[in-house]
Amino acid sequence: MKILCVVQARMGSERLPGKVVKPILGKPMILYTLDRLSKSRYIDKLVLATTDLPKEYPLINIVRSSGYECFTGDETNVLKRYKRAADAYEAEIIIRITGDCPLIDPIIVDNVVSNFLMYNYDYVRLDVPETFVRGFDVEVFSKEALNRVYEKVNKDEFKEHVTLYMYKHPEEFKVGHVKGEAIYNKPYRLCVDTDEDFKLINEIFKYFQDEYISSKDVIKFLDNNTDMVKINCKINQK
């Protein structure tokens, strides 16, 4: 059963253009996401999926020169990009991660995959932001579920957001949620969408000086350093 992890990223972020290649301690942010995911016990293939536009060349060059594979496709129809990537790599299970989560935790990823494998789900997601900190986001779904969505949807909102149709239609798909206990049920924001978000992430890595710091230690650090939390506490998720 081949498990493909697709990291979705592009250079054209509206609020922070080029964010995925901004350096943290001299290293492009996207490589933190990929390197941390490479520690997963379940992922058989890890690939970055971006658009086929020339503006993505800096991102593609960084990723490929670091030994990771890239898949390019439609800019606006992200669903199609995922479908083509899943076909190309003959995936049976797909993990969806966004490239703006440099603190993604492979232990959490594997926990979500375990839940998917244990039960008869079509789609399982980490319970973000209800009981899990934003920035650890993980979604897992079957290739069969992806195929069904691809053949069925025609609205742009479902093409732009790969899994939106799945979790909005629980009557058609068996949907599971992995909920967090108290330590992870915090109002912190660890994804990168703005300068403030990037500043917080940069401060965290600067403090720990460890690319593979665990999510649990990051949360404990924020619990004990409320001034850090204030850096991006007023940012609204788009």
C-alpha atoms as a PDB file:
ATOM      1  CA  MET A   1       0.000   0.000   0.000  1.00  0.00           C
ATOM      2  CA  LYS A   2       1.932   3.006  -1.273  1.00  0.00           C
ATOM      3  CA  ILE A   3       1.664   6.164   0.814  1.00  0.00           C
ATOM      4  CA  LEU A   4       2.478   9.394  -1.002  1.00  0.00           C
ATOM      5  CA  CYS A   5       3.013  12.641   0.885  1.00  0.00           C
ATOM      6  CA  VAL A   6       2.342  15.695  -1.266  1.00  0.00           C
ATOM      7  CA  VAL A   7       3.607  19.016   0.062  1.00  0.00           C
ATOM      8  CA  GLN A   8       1.713  21.841  -1.604  1.00  0.00           C
ATOM      9  CA  ALA A   9       3.698  25.065  -2.072  1.00  0.00           C
ATOM     10  CA  ARG A  10       4.181  27.980  -4.449  1.00  0.00           C
ATOM     11  CA  MET A  11       6.033  31.277  -4.645  1.00  0.00           C
ATOM     12  CA  GLY A  12       2.948  33.449  -5.095  1.00  0.00           C
ATOM     13  CA  SER A  13       1.581  33.829  -1.572  1.00  0.00           C
ATOM     14  CA  GLU A  14      -0.662  36.916  -1.342  1.00  0.00           C
ATOM     15  CA  ARG A  15       0.374  38.135   2.099  1.00  0.00           C
ATOM     16  CA  LEU A  16       4.019  37.017   2.094  1.00  0.00           C
ATOM     17  CA  PRO A  17       5.308  36.359  -1.443  1.00  0.00           C
ATOM     18  CA  GLY A  18       8.172  33.881  -1.653  1.00  0.00           C
ATOM     19  CA  LYS A  19       7.647  32.813   1.948  1.00  0.00           C
ATOM     20  CA  VAL A  20       8.490  29.159   1.284  1.00  0.00           C
ATOM     21  CA  VAL A  21      12.066  30.023   0.331  1.00  0.00           C
ATOM     22  CA  LYS A  22      12.658  32.664   3.017  1.00  0.00           C
ATOM     23  CA  PRO A  23      15.701  31.596   5.054  1.00  0.00           C
ATOM     24  CA  ILE A  24      15.474  30.479   8.665  1.00  0.00           C
ATOM     25  CA  LEU A  25      18.982  30.354  10.150  1.00  0.00           C
ATOM     26  CA  GLY A  26      20.287  30.396   6.581  1.00  0.00           C
ATOM     27  CA  LYS A  27      18.113  27.543   5.304  1.00  0.00           C
ATOM     28  CA  PRO A  28      15.011  27.935   3.063  1.00  0.00           C
ATOM     29  CA  MET A  29      11.824  27.395   5.023  1.00  0.00           C
ATOM     30  CA  ILE A  30      10.451  24.726   2.672  1.00  0.00           C
ATOM     31  CA  LEU A  31      13.392  22.457   3.516  1.00  0.00           C
ATOM     32  CA  TYR A  32      12.394  22.413   7.185  1.00  0.00           C
ATOM     33  CA  THR A  33       9.002  21.065   6.159  1.00  0.00           C
ATOM     34  CA  LEU A  34      10.479  18.434   3.835  1.00  0.00           C
ATOM     35  CA  ASP A  35      13.306  17.394   6.146  1.00  0.00           C
ATOM     36  CA  ARG A  36      10.982  16.952   9.104  1.00  0.00           C
ATOM     37  CA  LEU A  37       8.527  14.926   6.997  1.00  0.00           C
ATOM     38  CA  SER A  38      11.374  12.693   5.855  1.00  0.00           C
ATOM     39  CA  LYS A  39      11.443  11.319   9.422  1.00  0.00           C
ATOM     40  CA  SER A  40       7.955   9.816   9.068  1.00  0.00           C
ATOM     41  CA  ARG A  41       7.753   6.044   9.441  1.00  0.00           C
ATOM     42  CA  TYR A  42       4.839   5.729   7.023  1.00  0.00           C
ATOM     43  CA  ILE A  43       5.682   7.929   4.036  1.00  0.00           C
ATOM     44  CA  ASP A  44       6.885   5.888   1.059  1.00  0.00           C
ATOM     45  CA  LYS A  45       7.313   8.853  -1.275  1.00  0.00           C
ATOM     46  CA  LEU A  46       7.677  12.539  -0.475  1.00  0.00           C
ATOM     47  CA  VAL A  47       7.159  15.080  -3.242  1.00  0.00           C
ATOM     48  CA  LEU A  48       6.650  18.813  -3.504  1.00  0.00           C
ATOM     49  CA  ALA A  49       3.767  19.833  -5.784  1.00  0.00           C
ATOM     50  CA  THR A  50       3.874  23.341  -7.211  1.00  0.00           C
ATOM     51  CA  THR A  51       2.592  25.156 -10.273  1.00  0.00           C
ATOM     52  CA  ASP A  52       4.041  24.903 -13.761  1.00  0.00           C
ATOM     53  CA  LEU A  53       4.775  28.647 -13.973  1.00  0.00           C
ATOM     54  CA  PRO A  54       8.306  30.053 -14.416  1.00  0.00           C
ATOM     55  CA  LYS A  55       8.050  31.972 -11.123  1.00  0.00           C
ATOM     56  CA  GLU A  56       8.356  28.637  -9.304  1.00  0.00           C
ATOM     57  CA  TYR A  57      11.870  27.939 -10.641  1.00  0.00           C
ATOM     58  CA  PRO A  58      13.691  29.224  -7.517  1.00  0.00           C
ATOM     59  CA  LEU A  59      11.550  26.947  -5.339  1.00  0.00           C
ATOM     60  CA  ILE A  60      11.971  23.961  -7.655  1.00  0.00           C
ATOM     61  CA  ASN A  61      15.735  24.439  -7.850  1.00  0.00           C
ATOM     62  CA  ILE A  62      16.093  24.590  -4.064  1.00  0.00           C
ATOM     63  CA  VAL A  63      13.992  21.480  -3.539  1.00  0.00           C
ATOM     64  CA  ARG A  64      15.611  19.387  -6.264  1.00  0.00           C
ATOM     65  CA  SER A  65      19.139  20.410  -5.303  1.00  0.00           C
ATOM     66  CA  SER A  66      18.374  19.130  -1.807  1.00  0.00           C
ATOM     67  CA  GLY A  67      17.444  15.681  -3.136  1.00  0.00           C
ATOM     68  CA  TYR A  68      13.647  15.950  -3.118  1.00  0.00           C
ATOM     69  CA  GLU A  69      11.323  15.446  -6.074  1.00  0.00           C
ATOM     70  CA  CYS A  70       9.025  18.092  -7.557  1.00  0.00           C
ATOM     71  CA  PHE A  71       5.789  17.710  -9.459  1.00  0.00           C
ATOM     72  CA  THR A  72       4.376  20.659 -11.389  1.00  0.00           C
ATOM     73  CA  GLY A  73       0.809  21.260 -12.492  1.00  0.00           C
ATOM     74  CA  ASP A  74      -2.120  23.612 -12.794  1.00  0.00           C
ATOM     75  CA  GLU A  75      -1.881  26.794 -10.709  1.00  0.00           C
ATOM     76  CA  THR A  76      -5.552  27.230  -9.788  1.00  0.00           C
ATOM     77  CA  ASN A  77      -6.875  23.677 -10.106  1.00  0.00           C
ATOM     78  CA  VAL A  78      -4.949  22.203  -7.181  1.00  0.00           C
ATOM     79  CA  LEU A  79      -7.265  19.195  -7.143  1.00  0.00           C
ATOM     80  CA  LYS A  80      -6.073  18.313 -10.641  1.00  0.00           C
ATOM     81  CA  ARG A  81      -2.466  18.762  -9.535  1.00  0.00           C
ATOM     82  CA  TYR A  82      -2.986  16.260  -6.722  1.00  0.00           C
ATOM     83  CA  LYS A  83      -4.815  13.822  -8.973  1.00  0.00           C
ATOM     84  CA  ARG A  84      -2.028  13.865 -11.554  1.00  0.00           C
ATOM     85  CA  ALA A  85       0.657  13.485  -8.872  1.00  0.00           C
ATOM     86  CA  ALA A  86      -1.198  10.561  -7.278  1.00  0.00           C
ATOM     87  CA  ASP A  87      -1.513   8.909 -10.688  1.00  0.00           C
ATOM     88  CA  ALA A  88       2.134   9.512 -11.563  1.00  0.00           C
ATOM     89  CA  TYR A  89       3.415   7.975  -8.330  1.00  0.00           C
ATOM     90  CA  GLU A  90       0.800   5.195  -8.239  1.00  0.00           C
ATOM     91  CA  ALA A  91      -0.301   6.208  -4.756  1.00  0.00           C
ATOM     92  CA  GLU A  92      -3.006   4.377  -2.841  1.00  0.00           C
ATOM     93  CA  ILE A  93      -3.016   6.745   0.135  1.00  0.00           C
ATOM     94  CA  ILE A  94      -2.219  10.454  -0.019  1.00  0.00           C
ATOM     95  CA  ILE A  95      -1.024  12.706   2.790  1.00  0.00           C
ATOM     96  CA  ARG A  96      -1.625  16.413   2.189  1.00  0.00           C
ATOM     97  CA  ILE A  97       0.679  18.946   3.838  1.00  0.00           C
ATOM     98  CA  THR A  98       1.058  22.640   3.055  1.00  0.00           C
ATOM     99  CA  GLY A  99       4.548  24.051   2.613  1.00  0.00           C
ATOM    100  CA  ASP A 100       3.999  26.861   5.118  1.00  0.00           C
ATOM    101  CA  CYS A 101       4.230  24.526   8.128  1.00  0.00           C
ATOM    102  CA  PRO A 102       7.974  24.315   8.956  1.00  0.00           C
ATOM    103  CA  LEU A 103       7.244  22.808  12.380  1.00  0.00           C
ATOM    104  CA  ILE A 104       5.188  19.929  10.994  1.00  0.00           C
ATOM    105  CA  ASP A 105       5.757  16.949  13.280  1.00  0.00           C
ATOM    106  CA  PRO A 106       6.315  13.487  11.740  1.00  0.00           C
ATOM    107  CA  ILE A 107       4.985  11.881  14.924  1.00  0.00           C
ATOM    108  CA  ILE A 108       1.679  13.720  14.516  1.00  0.00           C
ATOM    109  CA  VAL A 109       1.628  12.877  10.801  1.00  0.00           C
ATOM    110  CA  ASP A 110       2.118   9.194  11.568  1.00  0.00           C
ATOM    111  CA  ASN A 111      -0.605   9.347  14.210  1.00  0.00           C
ATOM    112  CA  VAL A 112      -3.103  10.608  11.626  1.00  0.00           C
ATOM    113  CA  VAL A 113      -1.981   7.951   9.132  1.00  0.00           C
ATOM    114  CA  SER A 114      -2.399   5.275  11.830  1.00  0.00           C
ATOM    115  CA  ASN A 115      -5.975   6.368  12.399  1.00  0.00           C
ATOM    116  CA  PHE A 116      -6.649   6.197   8.688  1.00  0.00           C
ATOM    117  CA  LEU A 117      -5.162   2.703   8.450  1.00  0.00           C
ATOM    118  CA  MET A 118      -6.911   1.374  11.563  1.00  0.00           C
ATOM    119  CA  TYR A 119     -10.426   2.164  10.422  1.00  0.00           C
ATOM    120  CA  ASN A 120     -12.466   2.247   7.250  1.00  0.00           C
ATOM    121  CA  TYR A 121     -12.119   5.975   6.578  1.00  0.00           C
ATOM    122  CA  ASP A 122     -12.060   7.756   3.235  1.00  0.00           C
ATOM    123  CA  TYR A 123     -10.539  10.855   4.773  1.00  0.00           C
ATOM    124  CA  VAL A 124      -8.955  11.734   8.132  1.00  0.00           C
ATOM    125  CA  ARG A 125      -7.793  15.145   9.274  1.00  0.00           C
ATOM    126  CA  LEU A 126      -6.081  16.582  12.303  1.00  0.00           C
ATOM    127  CA  ASP A 127      -8.648  18.546  14.288  1.00  0.00           C
ATOM    128  CA  VAL A 128      -7.214  21.991  13.477  1.00  0.00           C
ATOM    129  CA  PRO A 129      -7.896  24.553  14.883  1.00  0.00           C
ATOM    130  CA  GLU A 130     -10.572  23.162  17.213  1.00  0.00           C
ATOM    131  CA  THR A 131      -8.320  20.962  19.384  1.00  0.00           C
ATOM    132  CA  PHE A 132      -4.911  21.242  17.695  1.00  0.00           C
ATOM    133  CA  VAL A 133      -2.559  24.163  17.108  1.00  0.00           C
ATOM    134  CA  ARG A 134      -2.625  25.531  13.570  1.00  0.00           C
ATOM    135  CA  GLY A 135       0.614  24.678  11.789  1.00  0.00           C
ATOM    136  CA  PHE A 136       0.589  20.941  12.515  1.00  0.00           C
ATOM    137  CA  ASP A 137      -2.143  20.386   9.896  1.00  0.00           C
ATOM    138  CA  VAL A 138      -2.329  16.910   8.350  1.00  0.00           C
ATOM    139  CA  GLU A 139      -4.896  15.371   6.002  1.00  0.00           C
ATOM    140  CA  VAL A 140      -4.925  11.754   4.807  1.00  0.00           C
ATOM    141  CA  PHE A 141      -7.236  10.316   2.172  1.00  0.00           C
ATOM    142  CA  SER A 142      -7.522   7.390  -0.181  1.00  0.00           C
ATOM    143  CA  LYS A 143      -6.781   7.538  -3.880  1.00  0.00           C
ATOM    144  CA  GLU A 144     -10.286   6.209  -4.455  1.00  0.00           C
ATOM    145  CA  ALA A 145     -11.766   9.178  -2.563  1.00  0.00           C
ATOM    146  CA  LEU A 146      -9.582  11.579  -4.554  1.00  0.00           C
ATOM    147  CA  ASN A 147     -10.750  10.011  -7.800  1.00  0.00           C
ATOM    148  CA  ARG A 148     -14.390  10.353  -6.778  1.00  0.00           C
ATOM    149  CA  VAL A 149     -13.987  14.042  -5.970  1.00  0.00           C
ATOM    150  CA  TYR A 150     -12.048  14.707  -9.163  1.00  0.00           C
ATOM    151  CA  GLU A 151     -14.756  13.144 -11.321  1.00  0.00           C
ATOM    152  CA  LYS A 152     -17.592  14.853  -9.494  1.00  0.00           C
ATOM    153  CA  VAL A 153     -16.778  18.470  -8.659  1.00  0.00           C
ATOM    154  CA  ASN A 154     -17.058  21.452 -10.970  1.00  0.00           C
ATOM    155  CA  LYS A 155     -17.001  24.401  -8.567  1.00  0.00           C
ATOM    156  CA  ASP A 156     -13.750  26.366  -8.364  1.00  0.00           C
ATOM    157  CA  GLU A 157     -13.731  26.337  -4.554  1.00  0.00           C
ATOM    158  CA  PHE A 158     -13.483  22.551  -4.577  1.00  0.00           C
ATOM    159  CA  LYS A 159     -10.752  22.599  -7.219  1.00  0.00           C
ATOM    160  CA  GLU A 160      -8.693  25.093  -5.258  1.00  0.00           C
ATOM    161  CA  HIS A 161      -9.091  23.303  -1.910  1.00  0.00           C
ATOM    162  CA  VAL A 162      -8.332  19.641  -2.537  1.00  0.00           C
ATOM    163  CA  THR A 163     -10.188  18.078   0.382  1.00  0.00           C
ATOM    164  CA  LEU A 164     -12.951  20.632   0.944  1.00  0.00           C
ATOM    165  CA  TYR A 165     -15.579  18.531  -0.809  1.00  0.00           C
ATOM    166  CA  MET A 166     -14.710  15.463   1.268  1.00  0.00           C
ATOM    167  CA  TYR A 167     -15.167  17.012   4.692  1.00  0.00           C
ATOM    168  CA  LYS A 168     -18.165  19.100   3.607  1.00  0.00           C
ATOM    169  CA  HIS A 169     -19.976  15.940   2.458  1.00  0.00           C
ATOM    170  CA  PRO A 170     -19.782  13.392   5.297  1.00  0.00           C
ATOM    171  CA  GLU A 171     -22.852  11.723   3.847  1.00  0.00           C
ATOM    172  CA  GLU A 172     -20.705  10.677   0.864  1.00  0.00           C
ATOM    173  CA  PHE A 173     -17.353  10.078   2.578  1.00  0.00           C
ATOM    174  CA  LYS A 174     -16.468   8.459   5.863  1.00  0.00           C
ATOM    175  CA  VAL A 175     -14.625  11.274   7.631  1.00  0.00           C
ATOM    176  CA  GLY A 176     -12.428  10.919  10.718  1.00  0.00           C
ATOM    177  CA  HIS A 177     -10.837  13.477  13.033  1.00  0.00           C
ATOM    178  CA  VAL A 178      -7.765  13.128  15.230  1.00  0.00           C
ATOM    179  CA  LYS A 179      -8.375  15.343  18.246  1.00  0.00           C
ATOM    180  CA  GLY A 180      -5.714  16.837  20.488  1.00  0.00           C
ATOM    181  CA  GLU A 181      -5.548  16.624  24.264  1.00  0.00           C
ATOM    182  CA  ALA A 182      -5.023  19.656  26.486  1.00  0.00           C
ATOM    183  CA  ILE A 183      -1.363  20.261  25.613  1.00  0.00           C
ATOM    184  CA  TYR A 184      -2.239  20.804  21.942  1.00  0.00           C
ATOM    185  CA  ASN A 185      -5.547  22.566  22.467  1.00  0.00           C
ATOM    186  CA  LYS A 186      -4.015  26.052  22.451  1.00  0.00           C
ATOM    187  CA  PRO A 187      -4.725  29.221  20.422  1.00  0.00           C
ATOM    188  CA  TYR A 188      -1.212  29.370  18.969  1.00  0.00           C
ATOM    189  CA  ARG A 189      -0.415  29.913  15.311  1.00  0.00           C
ATOM    190  CA  LEU A 190       2.574  28.040  13.846  1.00  0.00           C
ATOM    191  CA  CYS A 191       1.887  28.272  10.119  1.00  0.00           C
ATOM    192  CA  VAL A 192       3.522  31.030   8.072  1.00  0.00           C
ATOM    193  CA  ASP A 193       1.303  33.426   6.144  1.00  0.00           C
ATOM    194  CA  THR A 194       2.570  36.839   7.274  1.00  0.00           C
ATOM    195  CA  ASP A 195       5.735  38.611   8.433  1.00  0.00           C
ATOM    196  CA  GLU A 196       4.559  38.191  12.019  1.00  0.00           C
ATOM    197  CA  ASP A 197       4.139  34.434  11.563  1.00  0.00           C
ATOM    198  CA  PHE A 198       7.611  34.168  10.052  1.00  0.00           C
ATOM    199  CA  LYS A 199       9.138  36.166  12.886  1.00  0.00           C
ATOM    200  CA  LEU A 200       7.687  33.803  15.483  1.00  0.00           C
ATOM    201  CA  ILE A 201       8.880  30.678  13.651  1.00  0.00           C
ATOM    202  CA  ASN A 202      12.333  32.201  13.220  1.00  0.00           C
ATOM    203  CA  GLU A 203      12.516  32.966  16.949  1.00  0.00           C
ATOM    204  CA  ILE A 204      11.534  29.404  17.832  1.00  0.00           C
ATOM    205  CA  PHE A 205      14.225  27.831  15.673  1.00  0.00           C
ATOM    206  CA  LYS A 206      16.774  30.388  16.883  1.00  0.00           C
ATOM    207  CA  TYR A 207      16.026  29.463  20.482  1.00  0.00           C
ATOM    208  CA  PHE A 208      16.199  25.686  20.051  1.00  0.00           C
ATOM    209  CA  GLN A 209      18.935  25.536  17.390  1.00  0.00           C
ATOM    210  CA  ASP A 210      17.429  22.182  16.404  1.00  0.00           C
ATOM    211  CA  GLU A 211      15.734  21.516  13.079  1.00  0.00           C
ATOM    212  CA  TYR A 212      13.895  18.523  14.504  1.00  0.00           C
ATOM    213  CA  ILE A 213      12.504  20.015  17.700  1.00  0.00           C
ATOM    214  CA  SER A 214       9.335  18.207  18.711  1.00  0.00           C
ATOM    215  CA  SER A 215       5.896  19.796  18.612  1.00  0.00           C
ATOM    216  CA  LYS A 216       5.491  19.063  22.304  1.00  0.00           C
ATOM    217  CA  ASP A 217       8.621  21.047  23.199  1.00  0.00           C
ATOM    218  CA  VAL A 218       7.527  23.942  20.973  1.00  0.00           C
ATOM    219  CA  ILE A 219       4.155  24.108  22.735  1.00  0.00           C
ATOM    220  CA  LYS A 220       5.804  24.012  26.166  1.00  0.00           C
ATOM    221  CA  PHE A 221       8.136  26.810  25.078  1.00  0.00           C
ATOM    222  CA  LEU A 222       5.200  28.984  24.010  1.00  0.00           C
ATOM    223  CA  ASP A 223       3.334  28.175  27.222  1.00  0.00           C
ATOM    224  CA  ASN A 224       6.290  29.576  29.159  1.00  0.00           C
ATOM    225  CA  ASN A 225       7.008  32.532  26.868  1.00  0.00           C
ATOM    226  CA  THR A 226       3.787  34.437  26.383  1.00  0.00           C
ATOM    227  CA  ASP A 227       5.602  37.390  24.790  1.00  0.00           C
ATOM    228  CA  MET A 228       6.443  35.119  21.867  1.00  0.00           C
ATOM    229  CA  VAL A 229       2.779  34.232  21.399  1.00  0.00           C
ATOM    230  CA  LYS A 230       1.922  37.924  21.130  1.00  0.00           C
ATOM    231  CA  ILE A 231       4.051  38.278  17.971  1.00  0.00           C
ATOM    232  CA  ASN A 232       1.315  36.883  15.726  1.00  0.00           C
ATOM    233  CA  CYS A 233      -1.687  36.497  17.997  1.00  0.00           C
ATOM    234  CA  LYS A 234      -3.703  39.093  16.073  1.00  0.00           C
ATOM    235  CA  ILE A 235      -3.263  37.486  12.652  1.00  0.00           C
ATOM    236  CA  ASN A 236      -6.484  36.166  11.148  1.00  0.00           C
ATOM    237  CA  GLN A 237      -6.457  32.941   9.164  1.00  0.00           C
ATOM    238  CA  LYS A 238      -7.593  33.432   5.578  1.00  0.00           C
END
